[in-house]
Protein backbone atom coordinates (compact mmCIF):
# COMPACT_ATOMS: atom_id res chain seq x y z
CA MET A 1 0.04 -0.12 0.27
CA TRP A 2 1.55 3.36 -1.45
CA LEU A 3 -0.03 5.36 1.54
CA SER A 4 2.67 3.06 3.83
CA GLU A 5 5.83 4.86 1.90
CA PRO A 6 7.12 7.78 3.74
CA TRP A 7 7.25 9.77 0.21
CA CYS A 8 3.69 8.59 -0.19
CA ARG A 9 2.47 10.29 3.29
CA ASP A 10 4.28 13.69 2.53
CA LEU A 11 2.93 13.81 -0.96
CA ALA A 12 -0.69 13.36 0.35
CA ALA A 13 -0.21 16.14 3.26
CA SER A 14 1.08 18.24 0.70
CA LEU A 15 -2.11 17.80 -1.40
CA ARG A 16 -4.20 18.31 1.67
CA GLU A 17 -2.37 21.32 2.34
CA HIS A 18 -3.09 22.84 -0.93
CA ALA A 19 -5.51 25.85 -0.89
CA SER A 20 -7.15 24.77 -3.64
CA ILE A 21 -7.97 21.86 -2.48
CA ASN A 22 -9.00 22.12 0.84
CA ASP A 23 -11.27 24.57 -0.79
CA LEU A 24 -13.45 21.80 -2.55
CA GLY A 25 -15.29 21.37 1.08
CA VAL A 26 -13.72 18.02 2.90
CA SER A 27 -12.74 19.16 5.77
CA PRO A 28 -10.36 18.15 7.62
CA MET A 29 -9.69 15.63 5.43
CA VAL A 30 -7.30 12.60 5.37
CA ALA A 31 -5.98 10.89 2.79
CA VAL A 32 -6.99 6.83 2.84
CA GLN A 33 -5.99 5.26 -0.70
CA CYS A 34 -2.96 5.72 -3.09
CA THR A 35 -3.53 4.08 -6.52
CA SER A 36 -0.94 3.68 -9.69
CA PHE A 37 -2.15 3.71 -13.29
CA GLU A 38 0.43 3.09 -15.62
CA LYS A 39 -0.11 2.86 -19.12
CA SER A 40 2.95 2.47 -21.55
CA PRO A 41 3.51 0.93 -24.80
CA THR A 42 3.07 -2.53 -23.57
CA ASN A 43 0.62 -2.46 -20.77
CA ASN A 44 -2.17 -0.83 -22.53
CA TRP A 45 -6.31 -0.79 -21.23
CA LEU A 46 -9.22 0.75 -21.29
CA VAL A 47 -11.88 1.59 -18.62
CA SER A 48 -15.69 1.54 -19.34
CA LEU A 49 -17.48 4.39 -17.82
CA HIS A 50 -17.89 3.81 -14.03
CA GLN A 51 -18.03 5.85 -11.04
CA ASP A 52 -15.81 4.69 -8.25
CA LEU A 53 -18.50 3.14 -5.14
CA SER A 54 -15.76 1.29 -3.13
CA VAL A 55 -13.78 2.71 -0.49
CA PRO A 56 -10.82 0.89 1.89
CA VAL A 57 -11.97 -0.14 5.39
CA LYS A 58 -10.27 -1.48 8.57
CA ASP A 59 -12.73 -4.33 9.50
CA ARG A 60 -16.38 -6.08 8.09
CA VAL A 61 -19.31 -4.42 9.87
CA THR A 62 -23.12 -6.12 9.67
CA THR A 63 -25.15 -2.31 9.70
CA ALA A 64 -27.66 -1.72 6.98
CA GLY A 65 -26.73 0.61 3.91
CA LEU A 66 -23.11 -1.73 3.09
CA SER A 67 -22.80 -3.46 0.53
CA GLY A 68 -20.39 -4.97 -2.73
CA TRP A 69 -17.87 -5.96 0.78
CA SER A 70 -14.27 -6.91 -1.25
CA THR A 71 -10.45 -7.84 -1.01
CA LYS A 72 -7.90 -6.46 -3.05
CA GLU A 73 -4.70 -6.64 -2.40
CA HIS A 74 -4.88 -7.67 1.04
CA GLN A 75 -6.89 -4.56 1.73
CA LEU A 76 -11.13 -4.52 3.08
CA PHE A 77 -13.42 -2.50 0.59
CA VAL A 78 -17.25 -1.67 0.79
CA GLN A 79 -20.11 0.06 -0.88
CA PRO A 80 -20.94 2.68 1.63
CA PRO A 81 -24.44 4.85 1.63
CA THR A 82 -24.22 7.70 -1.54
CA SER A 83 -24.36 10.09 1.67
CA VAL A 84 -20.25 9.06 2.60
CA LEU A 85 -18.92 8.68 -1.16
CA GLU A 86 -20.38 12.73 -1.53
CA ASP A 87 -17.91 13.74 0.98
CA LEU A 88 -14.47 12.01 -0.77
CA ILE A 89 -12.06 13.75 -3.20
CA ALA A 90 -10.09 12.09 -5.00
CA VAL A 91 -6.42 14.15 -6.43
CA ARG A 92 -5.14 12.71 -9.89
CA VAL A 93 -1.06 13.54 -9.95
CA HIS A 94 0.19 13.45 -13.27
CA LEU A 95 3.62 12.00 -13.18
CA ASP A 96 4.34 12.36 -16.85
CA ASP A 97 2.50 14.05 -19.88
CA CYS A 98 -1.01 12.99 -20.30
CA GLY A 99 -2.20 14.56 -24.21
CA PRO A 100 -5.50 13.60 -26.81
CA ASP A 101 -3.32 10.43 -27.36
CA ALA A 102 -2.63 9.08 -24.14
CA GLY A 103 -5.84 7.28 -22.98
CA GLY A 104 -6.34 9.43 -20.40
CA LEU A 105 -9.95 10.17 -18.04
CA ARG A 106 -12.95 11.06 -19.82
CA VAL A 107 -15.65 12.41 -17.84
CA VAL A 108 -19.05 13.43 -17.63
CA PRO A 109 -19.28 16.97 -16.54
CA GLY A 110 -21.39 16.94 -13.21
CA SER A 111 -22.90 13.89 -13.36
CA HIS A 112 -21.67 13.45 -9.21
CA ARG A 113 -24.31 15.57 -8.96
CA PHE A 114 -26.80 12.69 -9.64
CA GLY A 115 -26.13 10.24 -6.80
CA ARG A 116 -25.19 6.98 -7.52
CA LEU A 117 -26.30 5.47 -10.56
CA ASP A 118 -27.20 2.45 -12.95
CA MET A 119 -25.74 1.95 -16.01
CA SER A 120 -28.91 3.16 -18.21
CA ARG A 121 -28.80 6.61 -16.44
CA ALA A 122 -24.96 6.81 -17.02
CA ALA A 123 -25.69 6.18 -20.87
CA SER A 124 -28.34 8.62 -20.52
CA LEU A 125 -25.97 11.32 -19.02
CA ARG A 126 -23.42 10.96 -21.02
CA ALA A 127 -25.29 11.08 -24.16
CA GLN A 128 -27.25 14.33 -22.27
CA TYR A 129 -23.64 16.22 -21.65
CA GLY A 130 -20.90 14.60 -23.21
CA GLU A 131 -17.84 13.65 -22.42
CA ILE A 132 -14.46 16.08 -21.67
CA ALA A 133 -11.60 14.56 -21.93
CA PRO A 134 -8.78 16.81 -19.75
CA GLU A 135 -5.37 17.27 -21.09
CA ALA A 136 -2.45 17.31 -18.39
CA ALA A 137 0.85 18.03 -17.84
CA ARG A 138 3.68 16.59 -16.18
CA GLY A 139 3.22 17.54 -12.44
CA SER A 140 -0.22 18.76 -13.01
CA VAL A 141 -3.27 17.75 -10.20
CA LEU A 142 -6.56 17.00 -11.32
CA ALA A 143 -9.26 16.65 -8.38
CA MET A 144 -12.95 15.31 -8.86
CA ARG A 145 -15.64 13.68 -6.77
CA PRO A 146 -15.63 10.04 -6.84
CA LEU A 147 -19.10 9.72 -8.51
CA LEU A 148 -18.09 11.73 -11.15
CA LEU A 149 -19.12 9.13 -14.27
CA HIS A 150 -15.01 8.52 -15.33
CA ALA A 151 -13.89 6.10 -18.42
CA SER A 152 -10.21 6.66 -20.26
CA SER A 153 -9.33 4.42 -24.03
CA LYS A 154 -6.56 3.09 -24.47
CA ALA A 155 -3.72 5.16 -25.57
CA THR A 156 -3.50 5.27 -29.65
CA VAL A 157 0.08 6.57 -29.81
CA PRO A 158 0.79 4.48 -26.40
CA SER A 159 4.01 6.19 -24.59
CA SER A 160 4.81 6.65 -20.68
CA ARG A 161 1.44 7.53 -18.59
CA ARG A 162 1.33 7.34 -15.05
CA VAL A 163 -0.50 8.77 -12.56
CA LEU A 164 -1.38 8.85 -8.51
CA HIS A 165 -4.70 8.63 -7.54
CA PHE A 166 -5.07 9.83 -3.53
CA LEU A 167 -8.49 9.60 -2.13
CA PHE A 168 -9.44 11.79 0.67
CA GLY A 169 -12.15 11.86 2.81
CA PRO A 170 -13.15 13.52 6.38
CA ARG A 171 -11.28 11.73 9.37
CA SER A 172 -14.04 9.60 10.43
CA LEU A 173 -16.82 7.45 9.06
CA PRO A 174 -20.03 6.93 9.91
CA LEU A 175 -21.80 3.12 10.58
CA GLY A 176 -19.31 2.07 12.75
CA LEU A 177 -16.73 2.49 9.73
CA THR A 178 -13.10 2.96 10.49
CA TRP A 179 -10.48 3.57 6.93
CA GLY A 180 -8.33 0.62 6.62
CA MET A 181 -5.02 3.58 7.00
CA ALA A 182 -5.29 7.21 7.62
CA VAL A 183 -2.82 9.66 6.26
């Protein structure tokens, strides 16, 4: 888990303290996850349209409103109620340039305001609002709500595209949940 690494904890602290991220409305917040994504000429994939619905937690609890329990890379995840997901912010740090051919993120603007969506409603919102594909220079940061519909294509001109994807949330969780790690 990247958050156990000192460099990652330091970067999370720096991101958390940045004024433009603090202005997004989750305060006080902690980093609860860091995932790395790396596309390359030999590792080039696509991700279909989705919302990020699972969060890393310490223990399984039996409470109404929790679903989708799973374990990935020795970490327990759960899908909490929409009200919990609305309090989260994902911050993507671009380690490489991400131009129009790099298979970068595509988002449906404003879709996070519609809560948890089934695939039919997601497709309808994409048809209604379209998609944008923000380009990102090396070192740039993109913040988004995990409920924002997002996807990525395969790179049409494969090159190195590395991203660190941090998830920030409130210090404590409701429903008897605790974060798996919080820094």
